[in-house]
Amino acid sequence: MANIWIKKPMEAYEADIKKSELKRVLGKWSLTAIGIGAIIGGGIFVLTGTGAYYNAGPALALSFVVAGIACVFAALCYAEFASILPVEGSAYAYAYGTVGEIFAWIIGWGLILEYAMGSMTVAVSWSGYFAKLLKMFGLHLPYWMTTDPGTAKKAFGEATRQIANGNLPTDKLQTFQETINNFNAAPEIFDMKIFLNLPALLIVLFVISILIRGTKGAAKANNMIVIMKVSAIIFVIIAGLFFINVENWTPFIPEATVITENGVSHSAYGYGGIIAGASAIFFAYVGFDAVSTQAGEAINPKKDVPFAIITSLVICTILYILVSLVLTGMMHYTDFNPLGKYPDAIKAPVAYAFDIAGQAWAGYIITIAATVGLISVLMVMIMGQSRIFLGMSKDGLIPKTFSKVNRETGVPTKNLMILGAIIAVIASLTPINDLAHMTSFGTLFAFTMVCVAVWVLRVKQPNVERSFKVPALPLIATLGILINVYLIFNLSREAKMYSTAWLLIGFVIYFLYSKRHSKLQKEGYGETFKAEKIPLEDIDIDIDNKK
C-alpha cells in the first residue's frame, strides 16, 4: 500500500510543460478576468437570494466577510503553488507533487464535484434569468420546460398542503393555485409528469460550442462580458442606494429560528446562520481556483497566476459585501421565499429587488447583464473542469481520451464535449439548492487540502524556487485549514451526506482503475527521477502517450 503515496517529481512537471500542446495565450489581466468572470455571477446573481432567506438574513454581508477571510488563506497558498508548478490541474497537480498520488486523486475527485456542480448551478440560474428576460418582452416558456422534476414536485406538495390548511391571504392562495395548475398542465409519458429545465441544458451546449474553438477566442469573449458585468454591479450598488429601506436591516442579525419547508426543517439566522451562510455561498469564490486551472495556458504563469488569484479575490469580495447590503436593504430577506409571494425572486434576486422597488427599467438592465454575464461564469467553470480532467488523464488516473488536445485549436475537444453532455443533462433535472451546497463542499475540501500540501512542500523541499511565498506560512495554513473544515461542518446535512458518498465512490474508482493505470505506478517515474536524475531533455512524456 506504500506506493499509493508515490509523488510526481518536479522534473516530471517541467517535462510535461515542455510537451504540452496547450497554447500559452493568457496574460495577467486575462487571467484576472477569468477569476472575476467566475466569481461575479454565482455569488451576486444567484446566492444572495438563497443565502439571505435560508441562512443569514441581512447579515449575509457578514457571511461574505467570513467567506472572504477564509478564501484569503487558501488564495495565498494557491498563489505559492502556482509560482512553483505552473501547470493545469490546480490543487490536484499541487498535491501530486507534494503529498502523494492517493491524496492528489481524492483532491482531483473533489474538484470534479466542485466544478461539475458549479457549472450546473450556474446553468440553472441562467435559466431563471433567461425566463425573466423573455417575460419582459411578453414571451412565456411553459412551467414544465423551465423547472426540474424535484423542484416541481416539492412546490406542488407545498401548495397542496397550504391550500388544504386554509386561511390563506388572497395573493398567496392565487400563487399556490397557479403552482398546482402549472404542475397539472405538464405533459405526461406513461402517467409520469415531464419536467425539464430546457434553457439550462441549451446554454451548456452553447458554451461548449464556444470553448471548442480555442482558448484565445473564449478569453476575449470572457473579457468583454466581465467588463459588462462589473459595470452592471457598480450600477446596482449606486442605483440601489436610493431605494434602501433601513427597516429591512432591522434586526441586522435575525433571531435564530427554524425554517420548515415541505416538512423539512433546518436552523437559520443568528450567529450560526452567518457561518452557515458563509459555507453555503463559498461556491461564489470558486473563481480564483479556476485561475490556477489555466496555468498551462498562461504566458508567464509563475508571476501572473498569483497576481490574478489575489487581485480577483480582493475585487470581488468588496463587490459582494456592497451588493448584499444593498439587496437586503431594498428587499426584506423573507420575501426571497420560493414558496411565497415572489417565488422566482430566489432565482433572480437582484432583478426582482428592483422590480419590487418599482424600477422596472433597472430590472431590464440587470436581467440582461446577468443573463449575458452568467455565460462567462459557466464558460470558466467548464474550462476549469476540462483542464483538471486533462491533468488527471495525462497521469493515467482517468481514461486517456480526456487528455487528447486538438492540435489546431489547442483545446481538449473530446474532453469538453463529454463534460458538456453530462453537465447539460444533470443541470436540466436537478434543484439549484442541492447543487450549490455540494459545490461548496468540493471547494472547501480542495482549499483545505491546498493549505496542507503547501505546508508539506515548504517543510520537505524548502529550496524549491518560489517566485511568491506565503508570509507566516504555519499560521496562514493552520487558519486556512481550521476555517475551511469548520465551514464544511456547517453545510447542510444533505450536502455533507451526498459529498461524502461522492468521495467514497472516488476511493473505489481509484483502487479499481486509477491505481492500475497510473503512469507513476506503471513506469515508476518517481523512483527513476530520484535514483538516476535523468536530464530534462531526455524525458519523453506526451499527453497522447506517443514517443
Protein backbone atom coordinates (compact mmCIF):
# COMPACT_ATOMS: atom_id res chain seq x y z
CA MET A 1 0.00 0.00 0.00
CA ALA A 2 3.01 2.31 0.38
CA ASN A 3 3.10 3.12 -3.33
CA ILE A 4 -0.26 4.90 -3.18
CA TRP A 5 1.78 7.79 -1.71
CA ILE A 6 4.15 7.94 -4.69
CA LYS A 7 4.89 11.54 -5.67
CA LYS A 8 5.27 13.10 -9.08
CA PRO A 9 8.71 14.78 -9.12
CA MET A 10 9.23 18.40 -10.12
CA GLU A 11 11.27 17.29 -13.13
CA ALA A 12 8.26 15.41 -14.48
CA TYR A 13 6.13 18.54 -14.25
CA GLU A 14 8.75 20.50 -16.15
CA ALA A 15 8.80 17.80 -18.80
CA ASP A 16 5.01 17.97 -19.05
CA ILE A 17 5.20 21.72 -19.55
CA LYS A 18 7.67 21.29 -22.41
CA LYS A 19 5.49 18.65 -24.05
CA SER A 20 2.18 20.42 -23.54
CA GLU A 21 0.10 21.13 -26.64
CA LEU A 22 -1.93 23.81 -24.87
CA LYS A 23 -1.29 27.29 -26.27
CA ARG A 24 0.10 29.94 -23.88
CA VAL A 25 -2.10 32.90 -24.79
CA LEU A 26 -3.26 34.32 -21.43
CA GLY A 27 -1.69 37.43 -19.85
CA LYS A 28 -2.16 38.55 -16.23
CA TRP A 29 -5.23 40.67 -16.92
CA SER A 30 -6.87 37.92 -18.98
CA LEU A 31 -6.23 35.56 -16.07
CA THR A 32 -7.63 38.13 -13.64
CA ALA A 33 -10.70 38.47 -15.87
CA ILE A 34 -11.13 34.69 -15.75
CA GLY A 35 -11.14 34.88 -11.95
CA ILE A 36 -13.59 37.80 -11.89
CA GLY A 37 -15.64 36.15 -14.62
CA ALA A 38 -16.16 33.08 -12.47
CA ILE A 39 -16.58 34.82 -9.11
CA ILE A 40 -19.01 37.54 -10.21
CA GLY A 41 -22.12 35.72 -11.18
CA GLY A 42 -22.79 32.77 -8.92
CA GLY A 43 -22.49 34.83 -5.74
CA ILE A 44 -24.14 38.11 -6.68
CA PHE A 45 -26.72 36.99 -9.21
CA VAL A 46 -27.64 33.66 -7.59
CA LEU A 47 -26.68 33.02 -3.98
CA THR A 48 -27.55 36.40 -2.49
CA GLY A 49 -31.20 35.35 -2.50
CA THR A 50 -30.71 31.83 -1.14
CA GLY A 51 -28.11 32.96 1.42
CA ALA A 52 -30.33 35.75 2.75
CA TYR A 53 -33.50 33.66 3.01
CA TYR A 54 -32.15 30.28 4.11
CA ASN A 55 -29.21 31.34 6.28
CA ALA A 56 -28.27 34.85 7.40
CA GLY A 57 -30.91 37.47 6.54
CA PRO A 58 -29.41 40.99 6.25
CA ALA A 59 -26.25 39.66 7.95
CA LEU A 60 -25.42 37.97 4.64
CA ALA A 61 -22.83 40.74 4.24
CA LEU A 62 -21.04 39.29 7.27
CA SER A 63 -21.22 35.84 5.68
CA PHE A 64 -19.32 37.23 2.70
CA VAL A 65 -16.76 38.75 5.07
CA VAL A 66 -16.22 35.37 6.76
CA ALA A 67 -16.02 33.54 3.44
CA GLY A 68 -13.66 36.17 2.03
CA ILE A 69 -11.31 35.86 5.02
CA ALA A 70 -11.30 32.08 4.67
CA CYS A 71 -10.51 32.48 0.98
CA VAL A 72 -7.55 34.78 1.65
CA PHE A 73 -5.68 32.00 3.44
CA ALA A 74 -6.37 29.49 0.68
CA ALA A 75 -5.63 32.07 -2.03
CA LEU A 76 -2.16 32.77 -0.63
CA CYS A 77 -1.42 29.03 -0.59
CA TYR A 78 -2.70 28.65 -4.15
CA ALA A 79 -0.51 31.57 -5.21
CA GLU A 80 2.65 29.96 -3.82
CA PHE A 81 1.87 26.66 -5.50
CA ALA A 82 1.12 28.37 -8.81
CA SER A 83 4.53 30.06 -8.67
CA ILE A 84 6.17 26.63 -8.32
CA LEU A 85 4.05 24.42 -10.56
CA PRO A 86 2.59 26.46 -13.46
CA VAL A 87 0.56 23.56 -14.86
CA GLU A 88 -3.08 22.75 -15.46
CA GLY A 89 -4.78 20.70 -12.78
CA SER A 90 -4.93 23.19 -9.90
CA ALA A 91 -4.90 21.65 -6.40
CA TYR A 92 -4.75 18.15 -7.88
CA ALA A 93 -1.39 18.84 -9.53
CA TYR A 94 -0.05 20.59 -6.43
CA ALA A 95 -0.87 17.63 -4.19
CA TYR A 96 0.56 15.07 -6.63
CA GLY A 97 3.98 16.69 -6.40
CA THR A 98 3.99 17.13 -2.63
CA VAL A 99 1.88 14.66 -0.67
CA GLY A 100 1.28 11.70 -2.97
CA GLU A 101 -0.96 10.05 -5.52
CA ILE A 102 -3.86 8.94 -3.32
CA PHE A 103 -4.03 12.40 -1.77
CA ALA A 104 -3.92 14.01 -5.22
CA TRP A 105 -6.58 11.67 -6.56
CA ILE A 106 -9.09 12.44 -3.84
CA ILE A 107 -8.47 16.19 -4.27
CA GLY A 108 -8.98 15.81 -8.02
CA TRP A 109 -12.15 13.86 -7.36
CA GLY A 110 -13.34 16.66 -5.07
CA LEU A 111 -12.52 19.25 -7.74
CA ILE A 112 -14.60 17.29 -10.23
CA LEU A 113 -17.52 17.66 -7.81
CA GLU A 114 -16.77 21.36 -7.31
CA TYR A 115 -16.65 22.30 -10.98
CA ALA A 116 -19.35 19.98 -12.24
CA MET A 117 -21.85 21.08 -9.60
CA GLY A 118 -20.76 24.69 -10.00
CA SER A 119 -21.41 24.55 -13.74
CA MET A 120 -24.83 23.05 -13.17
CA THR A 121 -25.75 25.65 -10.54
CA VAL A 122 -24.88 28.48 -12.89
CA ALA A 123 -26.76 26.86 -15.78
CA VAL A 124 -29.91 26.60 -13.62
CA SER A 125 -29.56 30.21 -12.50
CA TRP A 126 -29.03 31.37 -16.08
CA SER A 127 -32.29 29.65 -16.96
CA GLY A 128 -34.08 31.69 -14.29
CA TYR A 129 -32.73 34.99 -15.60
CA PHE A 130 -33.38 33.98 -19.22
CA ALA A 131 -37.01 33.15 -18.44
CA LYS A 132 -37.39 36.53 -16.71
CA LEU A 133 -35.82 38.28 -19.70
CA LEU A 134 -38.30 36.62 -22.04
CA LYS A 135 -41.20 37.66 -19.79
CA MET A 136 -40.09 41.29 -20.07
CA PHE A 137 -40.70 41.03 -23.79
CA GLY A 138 -44.03 39.25 -23.40
CA LEU A 139 -42.75 35.73 -24.02
CA HIS A 140 -43.52 32.94 -21.57
CA LEU A 141 -41.99 29.49 -21.56
CA PRO A 142 -44.16 26.69 -20.14
CA TYR A 143 -43.52 25.89 -16.48
CA TRP A 144 -42.65 22.26 -17.25
CA MET A 145 -39.97 23.43 -19.69
CA THR A 146 -38.11 25.62 -17.16
CA THR A 147 -38.38 23.56 -13.95
CA ASP A 148 -36.60 20.42 -12.78
CA PRO A 149 -38.70 17.47 -11.51
CA GLY A 150 -37.60 17.80 -7.87
CA THR A 151 -38.49 21.48 -7.60
CA ALA A 152 -41.82 20.95 -9.36
CA LYS A 153 -42.85 18.12 -7.04
CA LYS A 154 -41.77 20.00 -3.91
CA ALA A 155 -43.68 23.14 -4.96
CA PHE A 156 -46.78 21.10 -5.83
CA GLY A 157 -46.70 19.29 -2.49
CA GLU A 158 -46.28 22.51 -0.51
CA ALA A 159 -49.03 24.30 -2.47
CA THR A 160 -51.42 21.41 -1.94
CA ARG A 161 -50.66 21.32 1.80
CA GLN A 162 -51.07 25.10 2.23
CA ILE A 163 -54.41 25.19 0.41
CA ALA A 164 -55.65 22.23 2.44
CA ASN A 165 -54.78 24.07 5.67
CA GLY A 166 -56.91 27.02 4.53
CA ASN A 167 -56.96 30.62 5.88
CA LEU A 168 -54.64 31.95 3.20
CA PRO A 169 -54.47 35.58 2.03
CA THR A 170 -55.81 36.08 -1.50
CA ASP A 171 -52.41 36.69 -3.10
CA LYS A 172 -50.86 33.55 -1.58
CA LEU A 173 -53.91 31.48 -2.47
CA GLN A 174 -53.57 32.59 -6.10
CA THR A 175 -49.83 31.79 -6.10
CA PHE A 176 -50.34 28.29 -4.73
CA GLN A 177 -53.26 27.61 -7.07
CA GLU A 178 -51.12 28.69 -10.03
CA THR A 179 -48.41 26.29 -8.91
CA ILE A 180 -50.90 23.42 -8.84
CA ASN A 181 -52.26 24.37 -12.25
CA ASN A 182 -48.76 24.52 -13.73
CA PHE A 183 -47.97 21.10 -12.34
CA ASN A 184 -51.17 19.58 -13.71
CA ALA A 185 -50.56 21.17 -17.13
CA ALA A 186 -47.24 19.36 -17.62
CA PRO A 187 -47.19 16.68 -20.36
CA GLU A 188 -47.12 13.02 -19.37
CA ILE A 189 -45.34 9.91 -20.58
CA PHE A 190 -46.62 6.61 -19.16
CA ASP A 191 -48.59 8.54 -16.50
CA MET A 192 -45.43 10.36 -15.40
CA LYS A 193 -45.32 14.17 -15.40
CA ILE A 194 -42.47 15.53 -17.52
CA PHE A 195 -40.36 18.43 -16.21
CA LEU A 196 -37.15 19.62 -17.82
CA ASN A 197 -35.10 22.80 -17.43
CA LEU A 198 -34.52 23.17 -21.16
CA PRO A 199 -32.77 26.59 -21.10
CA ALA A 200 -30.19 25.21 -18.63
CA LEU A 201 -29.47 22.34 -20.98
CA LEU A 202 -29.17 24.53 -24.06
CA ILE A 203 -26.88 27.15 -22.50
CA VAL A 204 -24.34 24.47 -21.56
CA LEU A 205 -24.29 23.21 -25.13
CA PHE A 206 -23.88 26.79 -26.40
CA VAL A 207 -20.88 27.41 -24.11
CA ILE A 208 -19.27 24.15 -25.22
CA SER A 209 -19.57 25.29 -28.84
CA ILE A 210 -17.55 28.42 -27.92
CA LEU A 211 -14.90 26.62 -25.89
CA ILE A 212 -14.03 24.00 -28.50
CA ARG A 213 -12.99 26.79 -30.87
CA GLY A 214 -9.97 27.72 -28.74
CA THR A 215 -8.91 29.40 -25.50
CA LYS A 216 -7.84 32.72 -27.02
CA GLY A 217 -11.25 33.40 -28.52
CA ALA A 218 -13.02 32.25 -25.35
CA ALA A 219 -10.79 34.57 -23.27
CA LYS A 220 -11.64 37.56 -25.47
CA ALA A 221 -15.34 36.85 -25.12
CA ASN A 222 -14.91 36.47 -21.36
CA ASN A 223 -13.03 39.80 -21.08
CA MET A 224 -15.87 41.65 -22.80
CA ILE A 225 -18.50 40.02 -20.62
CA VAL A 226 -16.53 40.76 -17.44
CA ILE A 227 -16.34 44.47 -18.28
CA MET A 228 -20.10 44.50 -18.77
CA LYS A 229 -20.72 42.56 -15.53
CA VAL A 230 -18.54 44.78 -13.36
CA SER A 231 -20.26 47.84 -14.83
CA ALA A 232 -23.65 46.31 -14.04
CA ILE A 233 -22.62 45.52 -10.46
CA ILE A 234 -21.40 49.07 -9.89
CA PHE A 235 -24.73 50.25 -11.30
CA VAL A 236 -26.62 48.01 -8.86
CA ILE A 237 -24.66 49.38 -5.91
CA ILE A 238 -25.12 53.04 -6.85
CA ALA A 239 -28.73 52.85 -8.08
CA GLY A 240 -29.79 50.57 -5.23
CA LEU A 241 -28.66 53.07 -2.60
CA PHE A 242 -31.64 55.27 -3.50
CA PHE A 243 -34.17 52.50 -2.76
CA ILE A 244 -32.87 51.13 0.50
CA ASN A 245 -35.37 50.86 3.33
CA VAL A 246 -33.30 50.68 6.53
CA GLU A 247 -36.15 48.87 8.26
CA ASN A 248 -35.26 45.85 6.12
CA TRP A 249 -31.95 45.72 8.02
CA THR A 250 -33.70 45.53 11.38
CA PRO A 251 -32.72 43.33 13.05
CA PHE A 252 -29.47 43.06 11.11
CA ILE A 253 -28.84 39.62 12.62
CA PRO A 254 -32.28 37.98 12.87
CA GLU A 255 -33.04 35.83 15.87
CA ALA A 256 -32.07 32.19 15.39
CA THR A 257 -35.05 30.14 14.23
CA VAL A 258 -36.05 27.06 12.28
CA ILE A 259 -37.28 27.18 8.68
CA THR A 260 -39.67 24.41 7.68
CA GLU A 261 -40.27 23.77 4.00
CA ASN A 262 -42.37 20.87 2.72
CA GLY A 263 -41.90 19.02 6.00
CA VAL A 264 -38.11 19.50 6.09
CA SER A 265 -36.62 21.79 8.77
CA HIS A 266 -33.23 23.45 9.26
CA SER A 267 -31.78 26.08 11.59
CA ALA A 268 -31.31 29.60 10.26
CA TYR A 269 -30.28 33.14 11.25
CA GLY A 270 -28.44 34.20 14.36
CA TYR A 271 -24.66 33.92 14.51
CA GLY A 272 -24.90 30.29 13.43
CA GLY A 273 -26.78 31.45 10.33
CA ILE A 274 -23.90 33.78 9.42
CA ILE A 275 -21.47 30.86 9.48
CA ALA A 276 -23.92 28.60 7.64
CA GLY A 277 -24.36 31.38 5.06
CA ALA A 278 -20.58 31.61 4.61
CA SER A 279 -20.48 27.86 4.00
CA ALA A 280 -23.35 27.94 1.50
CA ILE A 281 -22.04 30.90 -0.51
CA PHE A 282 -18.49 29.58 -0.65
CA PHE A 283 -19.36 28.38 -4.14
CA ALA A 284 -19.17 32.03 -5.14
CA TYR A 285 -15.41 32.03 -4.60
CA VAL A 286 -14.56 29.18 -6.91
CA GLY A 287 -13.26 31.76 -9.39
CA PHE A 288 -9.73 32.17 -8.14
CA ASP A 289 -9.34 28.40 -8.10
CA ALA A 290 -10.33 28.47 -11.77
CA VAL A 291 -7.40 30.83 -12.44
CA SER A 292 -4.95 28.14 -11.34
CA THR A 293 -6.50 25.58 -13.70
CA GLN A 294 -5.48 27.81 -16.62
CA ALA A 295 -1.80 27.98 -15.63
CA GLY A 296 -0.90 25.71 -18.54
CA GLU A 297 -2.14 28.40 -20.94
CA ALA A 298 -0.63 31.43 -19.15
CA ILE A 299 2.18 33.36 -20.86
CA ASN A 300 4.10 33.99 -17.62
CA PRO A 301 2.39 31.66 -15.13
CA LYS A 302 4.81 31.91 -12.20
CA LYS A 303 4.14 35.64 -11.81
CA ASP A 304 0.78 36.21 -13.46
CA VAL A 305 -1.24 33.41 -11.85
CA PRO A 306 -0.50 34.53 -8.24
CA PHE A 307 -1.29 38.13 -9.25
CA ALA A 308 -4.61 37.13 -10.86
CA ILE A 309 -5.65 34.91 -7.93
CA ILE A 310 -5.21 37.59 -5.29
CA THR A 311 -6.45 40.52 -7.39
CA SER A 312 -9.67 38.82 -8.49
CA LEU A 313 -10.41 37.71 -4.92
CA VAL A 314 -9.98 41.18 -3.40
CA ILE A 315 -12.05 42.96 -6.06
CA CYS A 316 -14.93 40.50 -5.92
CA THR A 317 -15.11 40.27 -2.12
CA ILE A 318 -15.58 44.04 -1.88
CA LEU A 319 -18.30 43.96 -4.55
CA TYR A 320 -20.06 41.04 -2.84
CA ILE A 321 -20.27 42.80 0.51
CA LEU A 322 -21.64 46.01 -1.03
CA VAL A 323 -24.23 44.26 -3.20
CA SER A 324 -25.51 42.06 -0.36
CA LEU A 325 -26.02 45.16 1.80
CA VAL A 326 -27.90 46.96 -0.97
CA LEU A 327 -30.02 43.93 -1.87
CA THR A 328 -31.17 43.15 1.69
CA GLY A 329 -31.84 46.86 2.18
CA MET A 330 -34.06 47.01 -0.90
CA MET A 331 -36.00 43.80 -0.28
CA HIS A 332 -36.83 42.08 3.00
CA TYR A 333 -34.98 38.80 3.29
CA THR A 334 -38.19 36.84 3.96
CA ASP A 335 -39.51 37.86 0.53
CA PHE A 336 -36.96 35.53 -1.11
CA ASN A 337 -39.14 32.60 -0.01
CA PRO A 338 -39.54 30.37 -3.12
CA LEU A 339 -42.99 29.36 -1.88
CA GLY A 340 -44.09 32.88 -1.02
CA LYS A 341 -45.34 35.99 -2.79
CA TYR A 342 -42.32 36.25 -5.13
CA PRO A 343 -41.46 32.59 -5.91
CA ASP A 344 -39.00 33.46 -8.71
CA ALA A 345 -37.08 36.03 -6.66
CA ILE A 346 -34.74 33.40 -5.26
CA LYS A 347 -33.55 32.53 -8.79
CA ALA A 348 -33.02 36.15 -9.90
CA PRO A 349 -32.80 38.14 -6.64
CA VAL A 350 -31.12 41.34 -7.84
CA ALA A 351 -33.51 41.95 -10.73
CA TYR A 352 -36.59 41.22 -8.59
CA ALA A 353 -35.41 43.63 -5.90
CA PHE A 354 -35.56 46.48 -8.42
CA ASP A 355 -38.90 45.23 -9.75
CA ILE A 356 -40.40 45.33 -6.27
CA ALA A 357 -38.94 48.81 -5.80
CA GLY A 358 -40.96 49.88 -8.83
CA GLN A 359 -37.90 50.38 -11.04
CA ALA A 360 -38.66 48.03 -13.92
CA TRP A 361 -36.17 49.85 -16.18
CA ALA A 362 -33.35 48.87 -13.82
CA GLY A 363 -34.64 45.32 -13.85
CA TYR A 364 -34.17 45.25 -17.63
CA ILE A 365 -30.54 46.34 -17.34
CA ILE A 366 -29.74 43.89 -14.56
CA THR A 367 -31.54 40.98 -16.16
CA ILE A 368 -29.73 41.49 -19.47
CA ALA A 369 -26.38 41.87 -17.70
CA ALA A 370 -26.98 38.78 -15.56
CA THR A 371 -28.21 36.70 -18.47
CA VAL A 372 -25.14 37.52 -20.53
CA GLY A 373 -22.79 37.65 -17.55
CA LEU A 374 -23.60 34.19 -16.24
CA ILE A 375 -22.41 32.80 -19.57
CA SER A 376 -18.84 33.76 -18.68
CA VAL A 377 -19.19 32.07 -15.28
CA LEU A 378 -20.32 28.88 -16.96
CA MET A 379 -17.53 29.22 -19.51
CA VAL A 380 -14.83 29.46 -16.85
CA MET A 381 -16.31 26.61 -14.79
CA ILE A 382 -16.33 24.21 -17.72
CA MET A 383 -12.85 25.33 -18.83
CA GLY A 384 -11.54 24.64 -15.32
CA GLN A 385 -13.24 21.24 -15.17
CA SER A 386 -11.80 20.19 -18.52
CA ARG A 387 -8.24 21.20 -17.53
CA ILE A 388 -8.44 19.20 -14.31
CA PHE A 389 -9.58 16.20 -16.34
CA LEU A 390 -6.72 16.89 -18.75
CA GLY A 391 -4.12 16.83 -15.95
CA MET A 392 -5.54 13.66 -14.37
CA SER A 393 -5.76 11.94 -17.74
CA LYS A 394 -2.14 12.79 -18.60
CA ASP A 395 -1.14 11.00 -15.39
CA GLY A 396 -3.23 7.97 -16.32
CA LEU A 397 -5.71 8.26 -13.46
CA ILE A 398 -8.71 8.64 -15.78
CA PRO A 399 -9.12 7.44 -19.40
CA LYS A 400 -6.65 8.95 -21.88
CA THR A 401 -9.42 10.27 -24.13
CA PHE A 402 -9.67 13.26 -21.74
CA SER A 403 -6.05 14.26 -22.49
CA LYS A 404 -6.32 14.43 -26.27
CA VAL A 405 -5.73 18.02 -27.40
CA ASN A 406 -6.87 19.26 -30.79
CA ARG A 407 -3.66 20.46 -32.47
CA GLU A 408 -5.46 23.15 -34.46
CA THR A 409 -7.43 24.79 -31.65
CA GLY A 410 -5.14 23.84 -28.74
CA VAL A 411 -8.02 22.65 -26.52
CA PRO A 412 -9.17 19.18 -25.34
CA THR A 413 -12.18 18.93 -27.64
CA LYS A 414 -13.41 15.43 -26.74
CA ASN A 415 -12.94 16.23 -23.08
CA LEU A 416 -15.15 19.32 -23.40
CA MET A 417 -17.85 17.54 -25.38
CA ILE A 418 -18.18 14.67 -22.91
CA LEU A 419 -18.28 17.01 -19.91
CA GLY A 420 -20.74 19.30 -21.64
CA ALA A 421 -23.18 16.48 -22.33
CA ILE A 422 -23.10 15.27 -18.70
CA ILE A 423 -23.42 18.77 -17.20
CA ALA A 424 -26.25 19.72 -19.56
CA VAL A 425 -28.39 16.70 -18.73
CA ILE A 426 -27.93 16.83 -14.94
CA ALA A 427 -28.45 20.63 -14.80
CA SER A 428 -31.79 20.23 -16.53
CA LEU A 429 -33.01 17.75 -13.90
CA THR A 430 -31.60 18.92 -10.52
CA PRO A 431 -32.72 21.58 -7.96
CA ILE A 432 -30.38 24.58 -7.59
CA ASN A 433 -30.05 24.50 -3.78
CA ASP A 434 -28.67 20.94 -3.71
CA LEU A 435 -26.19 21.78 -6.45
CA ALA A 436 -24.86 24.91 -4.75
CA HIS A 437 -24.25 23.18 -1.42
CA MET A 438 -22.37 20.26 -2.98
CA THR A 439 -20.24 22.73 -4.93
CA SER A 440 -19.33 24.46 -1.67
CA PHE A 441 -18.23 21.12 -0.21
CA GLY A 442 -15.92 20.44 -3.16
CA THR A 443 -14.47 23.96 -2.97
CA LEU A 444 -13.86 23.91 0.78
CA PHE A 445 -12.35 20.43 0.59
CA ALA A 446 -9.91 21.47 -2.15
CA PHE A 447 -8.94 24.66 -0.29
CA THR A 448 -8.22 22.67 2.87
CA MET A 449 -6.01 20.21 1.02
CA VAL A 450 -4.04 23.01 -0.68
CA CYS A 451 -3.29 24.60 2.70
CA VAL A 452 -1.98 21.22 3.91
CA ALA A 453 0.02 20.50 0.77
CA VAL A 454 1.80 23.87 0.53
CA TRP A 455 2.92 23.50 4.14
CA VAL A 456 4.20 19.97 3.48
CA LEU A 457 6.15 21.14 0.43
CA ARG A 458 7.71 24.06 2.33
CA VAL A 459 8.96 21.64 5.01
CA LYS A 460 10.13 18.85 2.71
CA GLN A 461 11.52 20.93 -0.16
CA PRO A 462 12.41 24.36 1.24
CA ASN A 463 14.91 25.08 -1.55
CA VAL A 464 12.45 24.80 -4.46
CA GLU A 465 12.33 28.10 -6.36
CA ARG A 466 9.29 30.15 -5.37
CA SER A 467 8.57 33.49 -7.04
CA PHE A 468 5.82 34.00 -4.43
CA LYS A 469 5.98 32.83 -0.80
CA VAL A 470 3.16 32.83 1.73
CA PRO A 471 4.16 35.03 4.68
CA ALA A 472 3.96 33.34 8.11
CA LEU A 473 3.01 30.08 6.40
CA PRO A 474 2.41 27.93 9.53
CA LEU A 475 -0.11 30.48 10.82
CA ILE A 476 -1.79 31.11 7.44
CA ALA A 477 -2.03 27.41 6.58
CA THR A 478 -3.36 26.50 10.02
CA LEU A 479 -6.04 29.20 9.90
CA GLY A 480 -6.99 28.16 6.37
CA ILE A 481 -7.36 24.52 7.40
CA LEU A 482 -9.36 25.25 10.54
CA ILE A 483 -11.76 27.74 8.93
CA ASN A 484 -12.42 25.63 5.85
CA VAL A 485 -13.04 22.47 7.89
CA TYR A 486 -15.35 24.41 10.21
CA LEU A 487 -17.33 25.70 7.23
CA ILE A 488 -17.61 22.17 5.83
CA PHE A 489 -19.29 21.04 9.05
CA ASN A 490 -21.77 23.91 8.73
CA LEU A 491 -23.03 22.82 5.32
CA SER A 492 -26.46 21.20 5.06
CA ARG A 493 -26.74 17.59 6.18
CA GLU A 494 -27.76 16.51 2.68
CA ALA A 495 -24.72 18.21 1.11
CA LYS A 496 -22.35 16.50 3.55
CA MET A 497 -24.03 13.16 3.04
CA TYR A 498 -24.03 13.31 -0.78
CA SER A 499 -20.49 14.68 -0.91
CA THR A 500 -19.13 12.04 1.46
CA ALA A 501 -20.71 9.38 -0.72
CA TRP A 502 -19.01 11.01 -3.73
CA LEU A 503 -15.60 10.80 -2.01
CA LEU A 504 -16.17 7.15 -1.09
CA ILE A 505 -17.02 6.38 -4.71
CA GLY A 506 -13.78 8.13 -5.61
CA PHE A 507 -11.74 5.78 -3.41
CA VAL A 508 -13.38 2.76 -5.03
CA ILE A 509 -12.60 4.05 -8.53
CA TYR A 510 -9.01 4.79 -7.54
CA PHE A 511 -8.29 1.24 -6.40
CA LEU A 512 -10.26 -0.43 -9.20
CA TYR A 513 -8.99 1.72 -12.09
CA SER A 514 -6.73 4.70 -11.39
CA LYS A 515 -4.02 2.94 -9.36
CA ARG A 516 -3.70 0.27 -12.05
CA HIS A 517 -3.41 2.77 -14.91
CA SER A 518 -1.28 5.41 -13.18
CA LYS A 519 1.84 6.29 -15.18
CA LEU A 520 3.82 6.71 -11.99
CA GLN A 521 2.73 3.28 -10.74
CA LYS A 522 3.35 1.54 -14.08
CA GLU A 523 6.54 3.30 -15.18
CA GLY A 524 8.00 4.41 -11.86
CA TYR A 525 8.81 7.99 -12.83
CA GLY A 526 9.15 8.98 -9.20
CA GLU A 527 11.84 6.42 -8.42
CA THR A 528 13.53 6.88 -11.78
CA PHE A 529 13.94 10.61 -11.33
CA LYS A 530 15.15 10.19 -7.78
CA ALA A 531 17.70 7.47 -8.49
CA GLU A 532 19.03 8.41 -11.90
CA LYS A 533 18.33 12.16 -12.17
CA ILE A 534 17.51 11.89 -15.86
CA PRO A 535 18.20 15.16 -17.75
CA LEU A 536 15.06 17.06 -18.68
CA GLU A 537 15.86 16.88 -22.39
CA ASP A 538 15.78 13.07 -22.22
CA ILE A 539 12.35 12.88 -20.63
CA ASP A 540 9.60 11.92 -23.05
CA ILE A 541 6.14 12.27 -21.53
CA ASP A 542 3.49 13.09 -24.11
CA ILE A 543 -0.17 13.67 -23.38
CA ASP A 544 -1.11 11.29 -26.19
CA ASN A 545 1.41 8.76 -24.78
CA LYS A 546 3.30 8.77 -28.06
CA LYS A 547 7.10 8.68 -28.40
